[in-house]
Amino acid sequence: MFDGQKIKKLRIEQSLSLKDLSDRSGVSISMISQIERRNTDPTLTTLYKLCRGLDVSISTLLGTDEQALQLVRKAERKTISFPQSNSKYQLLTPINEGTIEMIMIHLEPGQEDQQLVEHTGEECGYVLQGELTIVLGDNEHILYEGDSIRFKSTTPHRFFNHTNKTSISVWAMTGRVL
């Protein structure tokens, strides 16, 4: 389960009320309260919105305080699961370090999160296994195994697995997304 206490800690450090964070993020007061009390896990979209409202990266919420070593061993990757969206993220780069992040995304069939996200920076992705659909604004692009894509993260976007098989892709992002 996601540790909502980190959101509460950051919110209090910034002297923000629940209403202030709600206004800044577009997430309802009741949802923020439920997340902070660990009554519910946020969707990835909600997490992006809260990060934007708190002006922090997702890795600030998901990571540990410091990681001095710039090496991430396969067996030591931090994995974040978003059960509501049937996705699992593995951090391939150290968190809270540098300006570029790499993640491996495992998307199971049945993606439910339909909201577009946008943030600063750029993204590029490569499909290792299966297929996935990228929605960029009003356009959809199907990526097949071996395909890659690059786009500005300020373009409203989302991706999902439109097939009945697991999709695995690797993404590099600037702008401290995670």
C-alpha atoms as a PDB file:
ATOM      1  CA  MET A   1       0.000   0.000   0.000  1.00  0.00           C
ATOM      2  CA  PHE A   2       1.148   3.539  -0.780  1.00  0.00           C
ATOM      3  CA  ASP A   3       2.348   5.539   2.237  1.00  0.00           C
ATOM      4  CA  GLY A   4       0.015   8.540   2.233  1.00  0.00           C
ATOM      5  CA  GLN A   5       1.833   9.940   5.263  1.00  0.00           C
ATOM      6  CA  LYS A   6       4.511  11.232   2.873  1.00  0.00           C
ATOM      7  CA  ILE A   7       1.905  13.425   1.169  1.00  0.00           C
ATOM      8  CA  LYS A   8       0.711  14.690   4.526  1.00  0.00           C
ATOM      9  CA  LYS A   9       4.294  15.409   5.638  1.00  0.00           C
ATOM     10  CA  LEU A  10       5.062  17.382   2.463  1.00  0.00           C
ATOM     11  CA  ARG A  11       1.737  19.211   2.653  1.00  0.00           C
ATOM     12  CA  ILE A  12       2.377  20.269   6.258  1.00  0.00           C
ATOM     13  CA  GLU A  13       6.011  21.224   5.492  1.00  0.00           C
ATOM     14  CA  GLN A  14       4.658  23.570   2.805  1.00  0.00           C
ATOM     15  CA  SER A  15       1.992  24.929   5.192  1.00  0.00           C
ATOM     16  CA  LEU A  16      -0.789  23.752   2.891  1.00  0.00           C
ATOM     17  CA  SER A  17      -4.254  22.869   4.109  1.00  0.00           C
ATOM     18  CA  LEU A  18      -6.165  20.014   2.496  1.00  0.00           C
ATOM     19  CA  LYS A  19      -8.142  22.644   0.585  1.00  0.00           C
ATOM     20  CA  ASP A  20      -4.939  24.364  -0.604  1.00  0.00           C
ATOM     21  CA  LEU A  21      -3.552  21.089  -1.956  1.00  0.00           C
ATOM     22  CA  SER A  22      -6.915  20.247  -3.498  1.00  0.00           C
ATOM     23  CA  ASP A  23      -6.995  23.609  -5.289  1.00  0.00           C
ATOM     24  CA  ARG A  24      -3.404  23.221  -6.513  1.00  0.00           C
ATOM     25  CA  SER A  25      -3.731  19.595  -7.623  1.00  0.00           C
ATOM     26  CA  GLY A  26      -7.347  19.199  -8.732  1.00  0.00           C
ATOM     27  CA  VAL A  27      -7.737  16.210  -6.385  1.00  0.00           C
ATOM     28  CA  SER A  28     -10.728  16.354  -4.033  1.00  0.00           C
ATOM     29  CA  ILE A  29     -10.204  17.095  -0.337  1.00  0.00           C
ATOM     30  CA  SER A  30     -11.837  13.811   0.617  1.00  0.00           C
ATOM     31  CA  MET A  31      -9.564  11.805  -1.712  1.00  0.00           C
ATOM     32  CA  ILE A  32      -6.430  13.514  -0.332  1.00  0.00           C
ATOM     33  CA  SER A  33      -7.612  12.816   3.201  1.00  0.00           C
ATOM     34  CA  GLN A  34      -8.278   9.146   2.407  1.00  0.00           C
ATOM     35  CA  ILE A  35      -4.828   8.777   0.815  1.00  0.00           C
ATOM     36  CA  GLU A  36      -3.100  10.490   3.740  1.00  0.00           C
ATOM     37  CA  ARG A  37      -4.910   8.212   6.210  1.00  0.00           C
ATOM     38  CA  ARG A  38      -3.937   5.155   4.119  1.00  0.00           C
ATOM     39  CA  ASN A  39      -7.572   4.259   3.474  1.00  0.00           C
ATOM     40  CA  THR A  40      -7.019   4.100  -0.289  1.00  0.00           C
ATOM     41  CA  ASP A  41      -4.182   3.923  -2.798  1.00  0.00           C
ATOM     42  CA  PRO A  42      -4.007   6.711  -5.371  1.00  0.00           C
ATOM     43  CA  THR A  43      -4.165   5.973  -9.075  1.00  0.00           C
ATOM     44  CA  LEU A  44      -1.102   6.956 -11.061  1.00  0.00           C
ATOM     45  CA  THR A  45      -3.000   9.962 -12.440  1.00  0.00           C
ATOM     46  CA  THR A  46      -3.947  11.102  -8.942  1.00  0.00           C
ATOM     47  CA  LEU A  47      -0.333  10.696  -7.838  1.00  0.00           C
ATOM     48  CA  TYR A  48       0.845  12.880 -10.753  1.00  0.00           C
ATOM     49  CA  LYS A  49      -1.702  15.544  -9.791  1.00  0.00           C
ATOM     50  CA  LEU A  50      -0.656  15.516  -6.145  1.00  0.00           C
ATOM     51  CA  CYS A  51       3.001  15.792  -7.140  1.00  0.00           C
ATOM     52  CA  ARG A  52       2.178  18.773  -9.333  1.00  0.00           C
ATOM     53  CA  GLY A  53       0.250  20.367  -6.441  1.00  0.00           C
ATOM     54  CA  LEU A  54       3.156  19.768  -4.057  1.00  0.00           C
ATOM     55  CA  ASP A  55       5.773  20.665  -6.704  1.00  0.00           C
ATOM     56  CA  VAL A  56       7.695  17.411  -6.169  1.00  0.00           C
ATOM     57  CA  SER A  57       8.581  14.391  -8.274  1.00  0.00           C
ATOM     58  CA  ILE A  58       6.837  11.074  -7.803  1.00  0.00           C
ATOM     59  CA  SER A  59      10.144   9.581  -6.647  1.00  0.00           C
ATOM     60  CA  THR A  60      10.034  11.997  -3.730  1.00  0.00           C
ATOM     61  CA  LEU A  61       6.844  10.244  -2.635  1.00  0.00           C
ATOM     62  CA  LEU A  62       7.885   6.707  -3.551  1.00  0.00           C
ATOM     63  CA  GLY A  63      11.535   6.694  -2.611  1.00  0.00           C
ATOM     64  CA  THR A  64      13.716   6.641   0.407  1.00  0.00           C
ATOM     65  CA  ASP A  65      15.494   9.732   1.650  1.00  0.00           C
ATOM     66  CA  GLU A  66      18.897   9.252   0.041  1.00  0.00           C
ATOM     67  CA  GLN A  67      20.552   6.833  -2.325  1.00  0.00           C
ATOM     68  CA  ALA A  68      24.170   7.781  -2.916  1.00  0.00           C
ATOM     69  CA  LEU A  69      25.066   4.853  -5.161  1.00  0.00           C
ATOM     70  CA  GLN A  70      24.264   5.435  -8.850  1.00  0.00           C
ATOM     71  CA  LEU A  71      23.883   1.712  -9.556  1.00  0.00           C
ATOM     72  CA  VAL A  72      20.635  -0.220  -9.382  1.00  0.00           C
ATOM     73  CA  ARG A  73      20.991  -3.998  -9.443  1.00  0.00           C
ATOM     74  CA  LYS A  74      18.208  -6.017 -11.049  1.00  0.00           C
ATOM     75  CA  ALA A  75      17.378  -7.746  -7.781  1.00  0.00           C
ATOM     76  CA  GLU A  76      17.317  -4.420  -5.916  1.00  0.00           C
ATOM     77  CA  ARG A  77      14.976  -2.443  -8.161  1.00  0.00           C
ATOM     78  CA  LYS A  78      12.207  -0.615  -6.373  1.00  0.00           C
ATOM     79  CA  THR A  79       8.849  -1.795  -7.712  1.00  0.00           C
ATOM     80  CA  ILE A  80       5.672   0.222  -7.464  1.00  0.00           C
ATOM     81  CA  SER A  81       2.339  -1.396  -8.236  1.00  0.00           C
ATOM     82  CA  PHE A  82      -0.850   0.431  -9.159  1.00  0.00           C
ATOM     83  CA  PRO A  83      -3.520  -2.260  -8.794  1.00  0.00           C
ATOM     84  CA  GLN A  84      -6.328  -0.003 -10.026  1.00  0.00           C
ATOM     85  CA  SER A  85      -4.551   0.466 -13.338  1.00  0.00           C
ATOM     86  CA  ASN A  86      -3.053  -3.047 -13.671  1.00  0.00           C
ATOM     87  CA  SER A  87       0.446  -1.627 -13.937  1.00  0.00           C
ATOM     88  CA  LYS A  88       3.790  -2.199 -12.226  1.00  0.00           C
ATOM     89  CA  TYR A  89       6.721   0.202 -12.418  1.00  0.00           C
ATOM     90  CA  GLN A  90      10.326  -0.778 -11.783  1.00  0.00           C
ATOM     91  CA  LEU A  91      12.740   2.077 -11.183  1.00  0.00           C
ATOM     92  CA  LEU A  92      15.860   1.496 -13.282  1.00  0.00           C
ATOM     93  CA  THR A  93      17.718   4.563 -12.047  1.00  0.00           C
ATOM     94  CA  PRO A  94      18.367   5.719  -8.500  1.00  0.00           C
ATOM     95  CA  ILE A  95      15.587   7.837  -7.081  1.00  0.00           C
ATOM     96  CA  ASN A  96      16.093  11.436  -5.968  1.00  0.00           C
ATOM     97  CA  GLU A  97      19.210  11.696  -8.143  1.00  0.00           C
ATOM     98  CA  GLY A  98      19.893  13.354 -11.479  1.00  0.00           C
ATOM     99  CA  THR A  99      17.611  14.859 -14.096  1.00  0.00           C
ATOM    100  CA  ILE A 100      16.729  11.795 -16.138  1.00  0.00           C
ATOM    101  CA  GLU A 101      14.829   8.776 -14.926  1.00  0.00           C
ATOM    102  CA  MET A 102      14.354   5.339 -16.428  1.00  0.00           C
ATOM    103  CA  ILE A 103      11.552   2.968 -15.586  1.00  0.00           C
ATOM    104  CA  MET A 104      10.347  -0.391 -16.814  1.00  0.00           C
ATOM    105  CA  ILE A 105       6.577  -0.593 -17.039  1.00  0.00           C
ATOM    106  CA  HIS A 106       4.664  -3.871 -16.951  1.00  0.00           C
ATOM    107  CA  LEU A 107       1.078  -3.375 -18.136  1.00  0.00           C
ATOM    108  CA  GLU A 108      -1.331  -6.219 -17.681  1.00  0.00           C
ATOM    109  CA  PRO A 109      -4.487  -6.350 -19.810  1.00  0.00           C
ATOM    110  CA  GLY A 110      -7.411  -4.348 -18.476  1.00  0.00           C
ATOM    111  CA  GLN A 111      -6.035  -0.860 -17.947  1.00  0.00           C
ATOM    112  CA  GLU A 112      -8.678   1.219 -16.163  1.00  0.00           C
ATOM    113  CA  ASP A 113      -7.135   4.674 -15.609  1.00  0.00           C
ATOM    114  CA  GLN A 114      -8.493   6.803 -18.448  1.00  0.00           C
ATOM    115  CA  GLN A 115      -7.173  10.254 -17.487  1.00  0.00           C
ATOM    116  CA  LEU A 116      -4.488  12.048 -19.461  1.00  0.00           C
ATOM    117  CA  VAL A 117      -1.469  13.413 -17.575  1.00  0.00           C
ATOM    118  CA  GLU A 118       0.989  16.136 -18.445  1.00  0.00           C
ATOM    119  CA  HIS A 119       4.178  17.387 -16.811  1.00  0.00           C
ATOM    120  CA  THR A 120       7.426  19.102 -17.696  1.00  0.00           C
ATOM    121  CA  GLY A 121      10.160  17.418 -19.704  1.00  0.00           C
ATOM    122  CA  GLU A 122      10.368  14.799 -22.425  1.00  0.00           C
ATOM    123  CA  GLU A 123       9.732  11.059 -22.562  1.00  0.00           C
ATOM    124  CA  CYS A 124      10.950   8.312 -24.796  1.00  0.00           C
ATOM    125  CA  GLY A 125       9.899   4.702 -24.623  1.00  0.00           C
ATOM    126  CA  TYR A 126      10.786   1.367 -26.155  1.00  0.00           C
ATOM    127  CA  VAL A 127       8.493  -1.684 -26.205  1.00  0.00           C
ATOM    128  CA  LEU A 128      10.356  -4.819 -25.110  1.00  0.00           C
ATOM    129  CA  GLN A 129       7.406  -7.209 -25.170  1.00  0.00           C
ATOM    130  CA  GLY A 130       3.831  -7.098 -26.413  1.00  0.00           C
ATOM    131  CA  GLU A 131       1.999  -3.980 -27.549  1.00  0.00           C
ATOM    132  CA  LEU A 132       0.663  -0.824 -25.985  1.00  0.00           C
ATOM    133  CA  THR A 133      -1.368   2.175 -27.029  1.00  0.00           C
ATOM    134  CA  ILE A 134      -0.075   5.703 -26.454  1.00  0.00           C
ATOM    135  CA  VAL A 135      -2.646   8.496 -26.371  1.00  0.00           C
ATOM    136  CA  LEU A 136      -1.083  11.880 -27.150  1.00  0.00           C
ATOM    137  CA  GLY A 137      -3.714  14.608 -27.006  1.00  0.00           C
ATOM    138  CA  ASP A 138      -6.397  13.550 -29.492  1.00  0.00           C
ATOM    139  CA  ASN A 139      -4.212  10.961 -31.262  1.00  0.00           C
ATOM    140  CA  GLU A 140      -3.646   7.278 -30.524  1.00  0.00           C
ATOM    141  CA  HIS A 141      -0.542   5.350 -31.567  1.00  0.00           C
ATOM    142  CA  ILE A 142      -0.130   1.589 -31.246  1.00  0.00           C
ATOM    143  CA  LEU A 143       3.420   0.527 -30.469  1.00  0.00           C
ATOM    144  CA  TYR A 144       4.530  -3.020 -31.212  1.00  0.00           C
ATOM    145  CA  GLU A 145       7.462  -4.974 -29.845  1.00  0.00           C
ATOM    146  CA  GLY A 146      10.655  -3.189 -30.931  1.00  0.00           C
ATOM    147  CA  ASP A 147       8.934   0.181 -31.579  1.00  0.00           C
ATOM    148  CA  SER A 148      10.003   3.381 -29.843  1.00  0.00           C
ATOM    149  CA  ILE A 149       8.549   6.859 -29.384  1.00  0.00           C
ATOM    150  CA  ARG A 150       9.574  10.275 -28.084  1.00  0.00           C
ATOM    151  CA  PHE A 151       7.336  13.200 -27.137  1.00  0.00           C
ATOM    152  CA  LYS A 152       7.142  16.315 -25.000  1.00  0.00           C
ATOM    153  CA  SER A 153       5.599  15.475 -21.650  1.00  0.00           C
ATOM    154  CA  THR A 154       3.595  18.694 -21.732  1.00  0.00           C
ATOM    155  CA  THR A 155       1.369  16.975 -24.310  1.00  0.00           C
ATOM    156  CA  PRO A 156      -1.528  15.374 -22.410  1.00  0.00           C
ATOM    157  CA  HIS A 157      -0.819  11.647 -22.573  1.00  0.00           C
ATOM    158  CA  ARG A 158      -1.520   8.194 -21.235  1.00  0.00           C
ATOM    159  CA  PHE A 159      -0.743   4.653 -22.259  1.00  0.00           C
ATOM    160  CA  PHE A 160      -2.537   1.380 -21.842  1.00  0.00           C
ATOM    161  CA  ASN A 161      -2.411  -2.254 -22.839  1.00  0.00           C
ATOM    162  CA  HIS A 162      -5.100  -2.889 -25.458  1.00  0.00           C
ATOM    163  CA  THR A 163      -4.261  -6.611 -25.780  1.00  0.00           C
ATOM    164  CA  ASN A 164      -4.786  -9.733 -23.699  1.00  0.00           C
ATOM    165  CA  LYS A 165      -1.035 -10.209 -23.103  1.00  0.00           C
ATOM    166  CA  THR A 166       1.393  -8.413 -20.786  1.00  0.00           C
ATOM    167  CA  SER A 167       3.173  -5.403 -22.257  1.00  0.00           C
ATOM    168  CA  ILE A 168       6.668  -4.475 -21.043  1.00  0.00           C
ATOM    169  CA  SER A 169       8.335  -1.203 -22.011  1.00  0.00           C
ATOM    170  CA  VAL A 170      11.291   0.903 -20.886  1.00  0.00           C
ATOM    171  CA  TRP A 171      10.948   4.669 -20.540  1.00  0.00           C
ATOM    172  CA  ALA A 172      13.400   7.514 -20.020  1.00  0.00           C
ATOM    173  CA  MET A 173      12.024  10.826 -18.802  1.00  0.00           C
ATOM    174  CA  THR A 174      13.422  14.236 -18.029  1.00  0.00           C
ATOM    175  CA  GLY A 175      11.773  16.747 -15.769  1.00  0.00           C
ATOM    176  CA  ARG A 176      11.818  14.555 -12.608  1.00  0.00           C
ATOM    177  CA  VAL A 177       8.609  12.681 -13.298  1.00  0.00           C
ATOM    178  CA  LEU A 178       9.071   9.813 -10.858  1.00  0.00           C
END
